[in-house]
Amino acid sequence: MRRRFPRLDWCLPALLALPCHAGEPRPQARPWTPAAIASDQYESSPTFTPDGRELYFMRSDRAFGRYRLLMSRCEPGGWSAPLPPPFAGPPDAQEADPFVSHDGQRLYYVSSRQGANADDLDIWMVRRDASGAWSAPQRLPAPVNSPESELLPRETAGGRLYFGSSRPGGPGLTDIYEGRLRKDGGWDVGLVGPPISTAEQEYEVEVSRDGNQLILVGQRGDGRSHLYRFARAGKGWVARGRVPAREDVFQVGPLLSPKGDRVLFGQAANERDSGELFLVDLQPAVDTNWPPRCGG
């Protein structure tokens, strides 16, 4: 089963950015992809280092059949041409969904490296050393990883690890899980129940730094994945509607700003273009210094 499951669950017009229904509302998100990063393929799942000088993301073909990690540095003239990061796997490995921890000391991603099945993605992690270089990749142990695919790892400021997984035991084909690292180095992992994980398909979540806001990537009724907002209510979550974006194409790989007032995500640009990064404001007044500015 492929990482995004598009061939099973999304209509072909959605993959090609063609309207599936007439009369859809105008898109409310605006393109953000820097010129040096834009391509004829599909860019998504962006993440920045805390200083805003490095951008990591994934690039795939438009059918999400092949994907890899790339990084770009902020230079005097703008964002550099993207290259594979030093920890990237071999050319035949599928790698996606990078995420830099809020303190900049860890980078999580999913990879099929060292696996017999190219469609089985596991969560891996690299650490920053004293020189600023990334360590050799380490595969997270079970029960974080499973014989099925794991998707979009996200570490919260409080140290919890959220991710999607197609493992059995949840209510849907793919569901959302939460991991907690114990003092002895082991992990406790549990299903994030309704209204996050349901009998529908939920692939990814992004949680705000204060832990009070959650963006869910899920397929809920119309044949393609969209972004859904939730707010913390006690120990649970309350639905707050859709993130304003196009109805006729899917959205993936959300990243909330540090203040939780903006979200960056991947979405098809138009009928002829590839997938690009789009930015949408979640509040009337936002911090316009994010995403990080580069090159004036």
C-alpha atoms as a PDB file:
ATOM      1  CA  MET A   1       0.000   0.000   0.000  1.00  0.00           C
ATOM      2  CA  ARG A   2       1.488   3.336  -1.048  1.00  0.00           C
ATOM      3  CA  ARG A   3       2.131   6.095   1.435  1.00  0.00           C
ATOM      4  CA  ARG A   4      -0.764   8.352   0.418  1.00  0.00           C
ATOM      5  CA  PHE A   5      -3.064   5.611  -0.866  1.00  0.00           C
ATOM      6  CA  PRO A   6      -4.120   7.808  -3.832  1.00  0.00           C
ATOM      7  CA  ARG A   7      -4.662   4.968  -6.278  1.00  0.00           C
ATOM      8  CA  LEU A   8      -7.131   3.322  -3.927  1.00  0.00           C
ATOM      9  CA  ASP A   9      -9.070   6.224  -2.508  1.00  0.00           C
ATOM     10  CA  TRP A  10      -8.769   9.474  -4.465  1.00  0.00           C
ATOM     11  CA  CYS A  11     -10.572  10.147  -7.715  1.00  0.00           C
ATOM     12  CA  LEU A  12      -8.368  10.582 -10.784  1.00  0.00           C
ATOM     13  CA  PRO A  13      -9.582  14.149 -11.445  1.00  0.00           C
ATOM     14  CA  ALA A  14      -8.398  15.114  -7.955  1.00  0.00           C
ATOM     15  CA  LEU A  15      -4.928  13.717  -8.613  1.00  0.00           C
ATOM     16  CA  LEU A  16      -4.721  15.648 -11.867  1.00  0.00           C
ATOM     17  CA  ALA A  17      -6.121  18.820 -10.279  1.00  0.00           C
ATOM     18  CA  LEU A  18      -9.177  18.664 -12.524  1.00  0.00           C
ATOM     19  CA  PRO A  19     -12.542  19.692 -11.057  1.00  0.00           C
ATOM     20  CA  CYS A  20     -14.677  16.788  -9.873  1.00  0.00           C
ATOM     21  CA  HIS A  21     -17.721  19.036  -9.340  1.00  0.00           C
ATOM     22  CA  ALA A  22     -18.901  22.253 -10.861  1.00  0.00           C
ATOM     23  CA  GLY A  23     -19.477  25.363  -8.813  1.00  0.00           C
ATOM     24  CA  GLU A  24     -16.674  24.835  -6.298  1.00  0.00           C
ATOM     25  CA  PRO A  25     -15.726  27.920  -4.246  1.00  0.00           C
ATOM     26  CA  ARG A  26     -12.668  29.909  -5.202  1.00  0.00           C
ATOM     27  CA  PRO A  27      -9.486  28.865  -3.396  1.00  0.00           C
ATOM     28  CA  GLN A  28      -8.662  30.940  -0.334  1.00  0.00           C
ATOM     29  CA  ALA A  29      -5.052  29.808   0.027  1.00  0.00           C
ATOM     30  CA  ARG A  30      -2.216  31.531  -1.828  1.00  0.00           C
ATOM     31  CA  PRO A  31       0.914  30.034  -3.420  1.00  0.00           C
ATOM     32  CA  TRP A  32       4.094  30.250  -1.385  1.00  0.00           C
ATOM     33  CA  THR A  33       6.640  27.922  -3.065  1.00  0.00           C
ATOM     34  CA  PRO A  34       9.964  29.753  -3.655  1.00  0.00           C
ATOM     35  CA  ALA A  35      11.054  29.804  -7.305  1.00  0.00           C
ATOM     36  CA  ALA A  36      14.187  27.743  -6.630  1.00  0.00           C
ATOM     37  CA  ILE A  37      12.087  24.967  -5.099  1.00  0.00           C
ATOM     38  CA  ALA A  38       9.103  24.848  -7.469  1.00  0.00           C
ATOM     39  CA  SER A  39       9.183  22.062 -10.052  1.00  0.00           C
ATOM     40  CA  ASP A  40       6.948  20.103 -12.407  1.00  0.00           C
ATOM     41  CA  GLN A  41       6.463  17.542  -9.634  1.00  0.00           C
ATOM     42  CA  TYR A  42       4.712  17.747  -6.223  1.00  0.00           C
ATOM     43  CA  GLU A  43       6.248  19.555  -3.245  1.00  0.00           C
ATOM     44  CA  SER A  44       4.713  19.092   0.208  1.00  0.00           C
ATOM     45  CA  SER A  45       5.405  18.480   3.932  1.00  0.00           C
ATOM     46  CA  PRO A  46       7.647  21.528   4.536  1.00  0.00           C
ATOM     47  CA  THR A  47       9.551  22.040   7.797  1.00  0.00           C
ATOM     48  CA  PHE A  48      12.027  24.723   8.890  1.00  0.00           C
ATOM     49  CA  THR A  49      14.885  24.789  11.361  1.00  0.00           C
ATOM     50  CA  PRO A  50      14.215  27.205  14.267  1.00  0.00           C
ATOM     51  CA  ASP A  51      16.538  29.852  12.796  1.00  0.00           C
ATOM     52  CA  GLY A  52      14.643  29.754   9.489  1.00  0.00           C
ATOM     53  CA  ARG A  53      17.813  29.044   7.516  1.00  0.00           C
ATOM     54  CA  GLU A  54      17.045  25.512   6.362  1.00  0.00           C
ATOM     55  CA  LEU A  55      13.911  24.169   4.679  1.00  0.00           C
ATOM     56  CA  TYR A  56      13.269  20.437   4.374  1.00  0.00           C
ATOM     57  CA  PHE A  57      10.427  19.015   2.290  1.00  0.00           C
ATOM     58  CA  MET A  58       9.399  16.065   0.164  1.00  0.00           C
ATOM     59  CA  ARG A  59       9.061  15.926  -3.601  1.00  0.00           C
ATOM     60  CA  SER A  60       7.041  13.271  -5.380  1.00  0.00           C
ATOM     61  CA  ASP A  61       5.656  12.525  -8.787  1.00  0.00           C
ATOM     62  CA  ARG A  62       2.061  13.656  -9.166  1.00  0.00           C
ATOM     63  CA  ALA A  63       0.680  10.177  -8.517  1.00  0.00           C
ATOM     64  CA  PHE A  64       2.729   9.833  -5.293  1.00  0.00           C
ATOM     65  CA  GLY A  65       4.378   6.741  -6.738  1.00  0.00           C
ATOM     66  CA  ARG A  66       7.945   7.933  -6.037  1.00  0.00           C
ATOM     67  CA  TYR A  67       9.063  10.443  -3.409  1.00  0.00           C
ATOM     68  CA  ARG A  68      12.240  11.676  -1.736  1.00  0.00           C
ATOM     69  CA  LEU A  69      13.548  14.168   0.797  1.00  0.00           C
ATOM     70  CA  LEU A  70      15.132  17.449  -0.246  1.00  0.00           C
ATOM     71  CA  MET A  71      16.566  20.439   1.588  1.00  0.00           C
ATOM     72  CA  SER A  72      17.227  24.079   0.699  1.00  0.00           C
ATOM     73  CA  ARG A  73      19.334  26.677   2.516  1.00  0.00           C
ATOM     74  CA  CYS A  74      18.622  30.373   2.866  1.00  0.00           C
ATOM     75  CA  GLU A  75      21.424  32.203   1.040  1.00  0.00           C
ATOM     76  CA  PRO A  76      21.911  35.930   0.311  1.00  0.00           C
ATOM     77  CA  GLY A  77      20.098  35.584  -3.006  1.00  0.00           C
ATOM     78  CA  GLY A  78      17.236  33.483  -1.681  1.00  0.00           C
ATOM     79  CA  TRP A  79      16.530  29.810  -1.175  1.00  0.00           C
ATOM     80  CA  SER A  80      19.132  27.534  -2.779  1.00  0.00           C
ATOM     81  CA  ALA A  81      18.393  24.852  -5.341  1.00  0.00           C
ATOM     82  CA  PRO A  82      17.246  21.809  -3.340  1.00  0.00           C
ATOM     83  CA  LEU A  83      19.490  18.805  -2.803  1.00  0.00           C
ATOM     84  CA  PRO A  84      19.078  15.536  -0.897  1.00  0.00           C
ATOM     85  CA  PRO A  85      20.057  15.972   2.777  1.00  0.00           C
ATOM     86  CA  PRO A  86      23.202  14.147   3.936  1.00  0.00           C
ATOM     87  CA  PHE A  87      21.172  11.478   5.735  1.00  0.00           C
ATOM     88  CA  ALA A  88      19.012  10.620   2.702  1.00  0.00           C
ATOM     89  CA  GLY A  89      18.685   6.939   1.889  1.00  0.00           C
ATOM     90  CA  PRO A  90      19.731   5.123  -1.291  1.00  0.00           C
ATOM     91  CA  PRO A  91      18.065   6.055  -4.595  1.00  0.00           C
ATOM     92  CA  ASP A  92      15.622   3.157  -4.423  1.00  0.00           C
ATOM     93  CA  ALA A  93      14.321   4.168  -0.971  1.00  0.00           C
ATOM     94  CA  GLN A  94      11.004   5.972  -0.599  1.00  0.00           C
ATOM     95  CA  GLU A  95      11.412   8.866   1.884  1.00  0.00           C
ATOM     96  CA  ALA A  96       8.956  11.567   2.917  1.00  0.00           C
ATOM     97  CA  ASP A  97       7.382  13.700   5.651  1.00  0.00           C
ATOM     98  CA  PRO A  98      10.346  15.452   7.306  1.00  0.00           C
ATOM     99  CA  PHE A  99       9.803  17.318  10.574  1.00  0.00           C
ATOM    100  CA  VAL A 100      12.339  19.351  12.563  1.00  0.00           C
ATOM    101  CA  SER A 101      11.631  19.352  16.305  1.00  0.00           C
ATOM    102  CA  HIS A 102      10.859  22.715  17.887  1.00  0.00           C
ATOM    103  CA  ASP A 103      14.301  22.864  19.539  1.00  0.00           C
ATOM    104  CA  GLY A 104      16.009  21.976  16.239  1.00  0.00           C
ATOM    105  CA  GLN A 105      17.805  18.974  17.726  1.00  0.00           C
ATOM    106  CA  ARG A 106      15.923  16.174  15.962  1.00  0.00           C
ATOM    107  CA  LEU A 107      14.538  15.581  12.497  1.00  0.00           C
ATOM    108  CA  TYR A 108      11.960  12.850  11.939  1.00  0.00           C
ATOM    109  CA  TYR A 109      10.919  11.391   8.599  1.00  0.00           C
ATOM    110  CA  VAL A 110       9.521   8.211   7.074  1.00  0.00           C
ATOM    111  CA  SER A 111      11.554   5.855   4.919  1.00  0.00           C
ATOM    112  CA  SER A 112      11.469   2.422   3.307  1.00  0.00           C
ATOM    113  CA  ARG A 113      15.264   2.039   3.640  1.00  0.00           C
ATOM    114  CA  GLN A 114      16.480  -1.377   4.809  1.00  0.00           C
ATOM    115  CA  GLY A 115      13.054  -2.825   4.146  1.00  0.00           C
ATOM    116  CA  ALA A 116      12.095  -5.612   1.784  1.00  0.00           C
ATOM    117  CA  ASN A 117       8.841  -3.813   0.919  1.00  0.00           C
ATOM    118  CA  ALA A 118       9.227  -0.372  -0.675  1.00  0.00           C
ATOM    119  CA  ASP A 119       5.664   0.485   0.359  1.00  0.00           C
ATOM    120  CA  ASP A 120       6.303  -0.151   4.083  1.00  0.00           C
ATOM    121  CA  LEU A 121       7.360   3.205   5.512  1.00  0.00           C
ATOM    122  CA  ASP A 122       8.819   3.451   9.012  1.00  0.00           C
ATOM    123  CA  ILE A 123       9.690   6.459  11.168  1.00  0.00           C
ATOM    124  CA  TRP A 124      13.384   7.363  11.344  1.00  0.00           C
ATOM    125  CA  MET A 125      15.206  10.112  13.222  1.00  0.00           C
ATOM    126  CA  VAL A 126      18.502  12.005  13.009  1.00  0.00           C
ATOM    127  CA  ARG A 127      20.037  14.224  15.716  1.00  0.00           C
ATOM    128  CA  ARG A 128      22.110  17.401  15.532  1.00  0.00           C
ATOM    129  CA  ASP A 129      25.595  16.994  16.945  1.00  0.00           C
ATOM    130  CA  ALA A 130      27.760  19.700  18.537  1.00  0.00           C
ATOM    131  CA  SER A 131      29.087  20.739  15.110  1.00  0.00           C
ATOM    132  CA  GLY A 132      25.586  21.206  13.694  1.00  0.00           C
ATOM    133  CA  ALA A 133      25.774  18.110  11.483  1.00  0.00           C
ATOM    134  CA  TRP A 134      23.082  15.445  11.436  1.00  0.00           C
ATOM    135  CA  SER A 135      23.803  12.013  12.900  1.00  0.00           C
ATOM    136  CA  ALA A 136      23.370   8.691  11.145  1.00  0.00           C
ATOM    137  CA  PRO A 137      19.661   7.808  10.834  1.00  0.00           C
ATOM    138  CA  GLN A 138      18.073   5.675  13.535  1.00  0.00           C
ATOM    139  CA  ARG A 139      14.872   3.702  13.044  1.00  0.00           C
ATOM    140  CA  LEU A 140      12.419   4.156  15.905  1.00  0.00           C
ATOM    141  CA  PRO A 141      11.516   0.871  17.609  1.00  0.00           C
ATOM    142  CA  ALA A 142       8.189  -0.881  17.970  1.00  0.00           C
ATOM    143  CA  PRO A 143       5.498  -0.089  18.937  1.00  0.00           C
ATOM    144  CA  VAL A 144       6.073   3.247  17.154  1.00  0.00           C
ATOM    145  CA  ASN A 145       6.881   1.375  13.962  1.00  0.00           C
ATOM    146  CA  SER A 146       4.858  -1.613  12.828  1.00  0.00           C
ATOM    147  CA  PRO A 147       4.767  -4.063   9.897  1.00  0.00           C
ATOM    148  CA  GLU A 148       2.454  -1.546   8.177  1.00  0.00           C
ATOM    149  CA  SER A 149       3.213   2.022   7.046  1.00  0.00           C
ATOM    150  CA  GLU A 150       3.702   5.003   9.345  1.00  0.00           C
ATOM    151  CA  LEU A 151       3.182   8.576   8.112  1.00  0.00           C
ATOM    152  CA  LEU A 152       3.978  12.204   8.982  1.00  0.00           C
ATOM    153  CA  PRO A 153       5.693  12.008  12.411  1.00  0.00           C
ATOM    154  CA  ARG A 154       5.179  15.155  14.487  1.00  0.00           C
ATOM    155  CA  GLU A 155       6.861  15.774  17.844  1.00  0.00           C
ATOM    156  CA  THR A 156       5.069  18.263  20.081  1.00  0.00           C
ATOM    157  CA  ALA A 157       6.810  20.778  22.323  1.00  0.00           C
ATOM    158  CA  GLY A 158       5.846  18.494  25.213  1.00  0.00           C
ATOM    159  CA  GLY A 159       7.632  15.511  23.689  1.00  0.00           C
ATOM    160  CA  ARG A 160       4.675  13.505  22.384  1.00  0.00           C
ATOM    161  CA  LEU A 161       4.956  11.948  18.934  1.00  0.00           C
ATOM    162  CA  TYR A 162       1.886  11.954  16.685  1.00  0.00           C
ATOM    163  CA  PHE A 163       1.790   9.953  13.461  1.00  0.00           C
ATOM    164  CA  GLY A 164      -0.523   8.168  11.069  1.00  0.00           C
ATOM    165  CA  SER A 165      -0.445   4.410  10.554  1.00  0.00           C
ATOM    166  CA  SER A 166      -2.218   1.746   8.519  1.00  0.00           C
ATOM    167  CA  ARG A 167      -1.653  -0.879  11.249  1.00  0.00           C
ATOM    168  CA  PRO A 168      -4.638  -3.025  12.259  1.00  0.00           C
ATOM    169  CA  GLY A 169      -6.617  -2.266  15.386  1.00  0.00           C
ATOM    170  CA  GLY A 170      -7.993   1.171  14.545  1.00  0.00           C
ATOM    171  CA  PRO A 171     -11.472   2.043  13.286  1.00  0.00           C
ATOM    172  CA  GLY A 172     -10.345   2.976   9.760  1.00  0.00           C
ATOM    173  CA  LEU A 173      -7.914   1.910   7.045  1.00  0.00           C
ATOM    174  CA  THR A 174      -5.481   4.516   8.394  1.00  0.00           C
ATOM    175  CA  ASP A 175      -5.665   6.185  11.805  1.00  0.00           C
ATOM    176  CA  ILE A 176      -3.788   8.575  14.086  1.00  0.00           C
ATOM    177  CA  TYR A 177      -1.588   7.415  16.958  1.00  0.00           C
ATOM    178  CA  GLU A 178       0.234   9.117  19.823  1.00  0.00           C
ATOM    179  CA  GLY A 179       3.550   7.916  21.246  1.00  0.00           C
ATOM    180  CA  ARG A 180       5.173   8.784  24.576  1.00  0.00           C
ATOM    181  CA  LEU A 181       8.830   8.037  25.331  1.00  0.00           C
ATOM    182  CA  ARG A 182       9.289   6.400  28.731  1.00  0.00           C
ATOM    183  CA  LYS A 183      12.221   7.046  31.060  1.00  0.00           C
ATOM    184  CA  ASP A 184      13.558   3.558  30.335  1.00  0.00           C
ATOM    185  CA  GLY A 185      13.783   4.384  26.618  1.00  0.00           C
ATOM    186  CA  GLY A 186      10.747   2.379  25.552  1.00  0.00           C
ATOM    187  CA  TRP A 187       7.591   3.761  24.002  1.00  0.00           C
ATOM    188  CA  ASP A 188       3.930   3.712  24.908  1.00  0.00           C
ATOM    189  CA  VAL A 189       1.710   4.116  21.831  1.00  0.00           C
ATOM    190  CA  GLY A 190      -2.046   4.494  21.721  1.00  0.00           C
ATOM    191  CA  LEU A 191      -4.790   5.318  19.259  1.00  0.00           C
ATOM    192  CA  VAL A 192      -6.046   8.899  19.235  1.00  0.00           C
ATOM    193  CA  GLY A 193      -9.769   8.218  19.332  1.00  0.00           C
ATOM    194  CA  PRO A 194     -12.774  10.098  17.948  1.00  0.00           C
ATOM    195  CA  PRO A 195     -13.235  12.695  16.655  1.00  0.00           C
ATOM    196  CA  ILE A 196      -9.652  12.365  15.309  1.00  0.00           C
ATOM    197  CA  SER A 197      -9.529   8.681  14.292  1.00  0.00           C
ATOM    198  CA  THR A 198     -12.819   7.428  12.850  1.00  0.00           C
ATOM    199  CA  ALA A 199     -14.169   4.806  10.449  1.00  0.00           C
ATOM    200  CA  GLU A 200     -13.121   7.200   7.661  1.00  0.00           C
ATOM    201  CA  GLN A 201      -9.442   7.575   6.677  1.00  0.00           C
ATOM    202  CA  GLU A 202      -7.131   9.857   8.661  1.00  0.00           C
ATOM    203  CA  TYR A 203      -3.530  10.088   7.457  1.00  0.00           C
ATOM    204  CA  GLU A 204      -1.694  12.907   9.208  1.00  0.00           C
ATOM    205  CA  VAL A 205      -1.921  15.431  12.039  1.00  0.00           C
ATOM    206  CA  GLU A 206      -0.054  18.619  12.845  1.00  0.00           C
ATOM    207  CA  VAL A 207      -0.278  19.931  16.433  1.00  0.00           C
ATOM    208  CA  SER A 208       0.375  23.532  17.495  1.00  0.00           C
ATOM    209  CA  ARG A 209       3.220  24.285  19.874  1.00  0.00           C
ATOM    210  CA  ASP A 210       0.868  25.073  22.738  1.00  0.00           C
ATOM    211  CA  GLY A 211      -0.943  21.789  22.143  1.00  0.00           C
ATOM    212  CA  ASN A 212      -4.318  23.489  21.787  1.00  0.00           C
ATOM    213  CA  GLN A 213      -4.818  23.233  18.023  1.00  0.00           C
ATOM    214  CA  LEU A 214      -4.657  20.283  15.651  1.00  0.00           C
ATOM    215  CA  ILE A 215      -4.805  20.081  11.858  1.00  0.00           C
ATOM    216  CA  LEU A 216      -5.952  16.703  10.562  1.00  0.00           C
ATOM    217  CA  VAL A 217      -5.454  15.367   7.042  1.00  0.00           C
ATOM    218  CA  GLY A 218      -8.350  13.047   6.375  1.00  0.00           C
ATOM    219  CA  GLN A 219     -10.652  11.695   3.717  1.00  0.00           C
ATOM    220  CA  ARG A 220     -14.155  12.200   5.003  1.00  0.00           C
ATOM    221  CA  GLY A 221     -16.842  11.593   2.462  1.00  0.00           C
ATOM    222  CA  ASP A 222     -15.929  13.270  -0.831  1.00  0.00           C
ATOM    223  CA  GLY A 223     -13.206  10.946  -2.113  1.00  0.00           C
ATOM    224  CA  ARG A 224     -10.160  13.140  -1.391  1.00  0.00           C
ATOM    225  CA  SER A 225      -8.219  14.304   1.645  1.00  0.00           C
ATOM    226  CA  HIS A 226      -8.683  17.783   3.122  1.00  0.00           C
ATOM    227  CA  LEU A 227      -7.447  19.694   6.160  1.00  0.00           C
ATOM    228  CA  TYR A 228      -9.682  19.737   9.246  1.00  0.00           C
ATOM    229  CA  ARG A 229      -9.224  21.929  12.323  1.00  0.00           C
ATOM    230  CA  PHE A 230      -9.688  20.814  15.926  1.00  0.00           C
ATOM    231  CA  ALA A 231      -9.353  22.643  19.241  1.00  0.00           C
ATOM    232  CA  ARG A 232      -8.322  21.149  22.572  1.00  0.00           C
ATOM    233  CA  ALA A 233     -11.194  20.652  25.021  1.00  0.00           C
ATOM    234  CA  GLY A 234     -10.008  19.124  28.283  1.00  0.00           C
ATOM    235  CA  LYS A 235      -8.321  15.855  27.343  1.00  0.00           C
ATOM    236  CA  GLY A 236     -10.125  15.631  24.013  1.00  0.00           C
ATOM    237  CA  TRP A 237     -10.660  17.551  20.787  1.00  0.00           C
ATOM    238  CA  VAL A 238     -13.581  19.499  19.320  1.00  0.00           C
ATOM    239  CA  ALA A 239     -14.075  19.961  15.560  1.00  0.00           C
ATOM    240  CA  ARG A 240     -13.683  23.522  14.257  1.00  0.00           C
ATOM    241  CA  GLY A 241     -14.405  22.990  10.566  1.00  0.00           C
ATOM    242  CA  ARG A 242     -12.264  22.858   7.448  1.00  0.00           C
ATOM    243  CA  VAL A 243      -9.127  24.813   6.687  1.00  0.00           C
ATOM    244  CA  PRO A 244     -10.114  27.079   3.755  1.00  0.00           C
ATOM    245  CA  ALA A 245      -8.666  25.471   0.640  1.00  0.00           C
ATOM    246  CA  ARG A 246      -9.825  24.105  -2.691  1.00  0.00           C
ATOM    247  CA  GLU A 247     -12.644  21.570  -2.673  1.00  0.00           C
ATOM    248  CA  ASP A 248     -11.710  19.949  -5.987  1.00  0.00           C
ATOM    249  CA  VAL A 249      -8.189  18.749  -5.097  1.00  0.00           C
ATOM    250  CA  PHE A 250      -6.604  17.141  -2.060  1.00  0.00           C
ATOM    251  CA  GLN A 251      -4.323  18.780   0.523  1.00  0.00           C
ATOM    252  CA  VAL A 252      -1.427  17.090   2.369  1.00  0.00           C
ATOM    253  CA  GLY A 253       1.570  17.753   4.630  1.00  0.00           C
ATOM    254  CA  PRO A 254       0.404  20.674   6.836  1.00  0.00           C
ATOM    255  CA  LEU A 255       2.810  22.753   8.944  1.00  0.00           C
ATOM    256  CA  LEU A 256       1.501  25.244  11.509  1.00  0.00           C
ATOM    257  CA  SER A 257       3.385  28.445  12.249  1.00  0.00           C
ATOM    258  CA  PRO A 258       4.966  28.749  15.728  1.00  0.00           C
ATOM    259  CA  LYS A 259       2.016  30.910  16.822  1.00  0.00           C
ATOM    260  CA  GLY A 260      -0.564  28.627  15.213  1.00  0.00           C
ATOM    261  CA  ASP A 261      -1.983  31.491  13.150  1.00  0.00           C
ATOM    262  CA  ARG A 262      -0.969  30.217   9.691  1.00  0.00           C
ATOM    263  CA  VAL A 263      -0.641  26.854   7.993  1.00  0.00           C
ATOM    264  CA  LEU A 264       1.517  25.821   5.035  1.00  0.00           C
ATOM    265  CA  PHE A 265       0.580  22.714   3.027  1.00  0.00           C
ATOM    266  CA  GLY A 266       0.812  20.953  -0.321  1.00  0.00           C
ATOM    267  CA  GLN A 267      -1.930  21.329  -2.939  1.00  0.00           C
ATOM    268  CA  ALA A 268      -2.260  21.101  -6.717  1.00  0.00           C
ATOM    269  CA  ALA A 269      -1.776  24.496  -8.355  1.00  0.00           C
ATOM    270  CA  ASN A 270      -4.052  24.179 -11.427  1.00  0.00           C
ATOM    271  CA  GLU A 271      -4.941  21.858 -14.286  1.00  0.00           C
ATOM    272  CA  ARG A 272      -1.447  22.047 -15.828  1.00  0.00           C
ATOM    273  CA  ASP A 273       0.840  22.662 -12.871  1.00  0.00           C
ATOM    274  CA  SER A 274       2.300  20.364 -10.263  1.00  0.00           C
ATOM    275  CA  GLY A 275       1.613  20.387  -6.558  1.00  0.00           C
ATOM    276  CA  GLU A 276       3.054  23.392  -4.736  1.00  0.00           C
ATOM    277  CA  LEU A 277       3.166  24.840  -1.233  1.00  0.00           C
ATOM    278  CA  PHE A 278       0.230  27.043  -0.266  1.00  0.00           C
ATOM    279  CA  LEU A 279      -0.247  29.352   2.718  1.00  0.00           C
ATOM    280  CA  VAL A 280      -3.494  30.220   4.467  1.00  0.00           C
ATOM    281  CA  ASP A 281      -4.197  32.497   7.438  1.00  0.00           C
ATOM    282  CA  LEU A 282      -6.153  30.965  10.303  1.00  0.00           C
ATOM    283  CA  GLN A 283      -6.748  34.262  12.110  1.00  0.00           C
ATOM    284  CA  PRO A 284      -7.515  37.840  10.975  1.00  0.00           C
ATOM    285  CA  ALA A 285      -4.227  39.165  12.410  1.00  0.00           C
ATOM    286  CA  VAL A 286      -1.161  37.010  11.747  1.00  0.00           C
ATOM    287  CA  ASP A 287       2.615  37.163  12.091  1.00  0.00           C
ATOM    288  CA  THR A 288       3.747  37.911   8.543  1.00  0.00           C
ATOM    289  CA  ASN A 289       7.358  36.987   9.379  1.00  0.00           C
ATOM    290  CA  TRP A 290       6.383  33.338   8.942  1.00  0.00           C
ATOM    291  CA  PRO A 291       7.106  31.412   6.790  1.00  0.00           C
ATOM    292  CA  PRO A 292      10.721  32.573   7.246  1.00  0.00           C
ATOM    293  CA  ARG A 293      11.769  35.219   4.771  1.00  0.00           C
ATOM    294  CA  CYS A 294      14.862  34.650   2.670  1.00  0.00           C
ATOM    295  CA  GLY A 295      16.802  36.888   0.316  1.00  0.00           C
ATOM    296  CA  GLY A 296      14.885  40.105   0.902  1.00  0.00           C
END
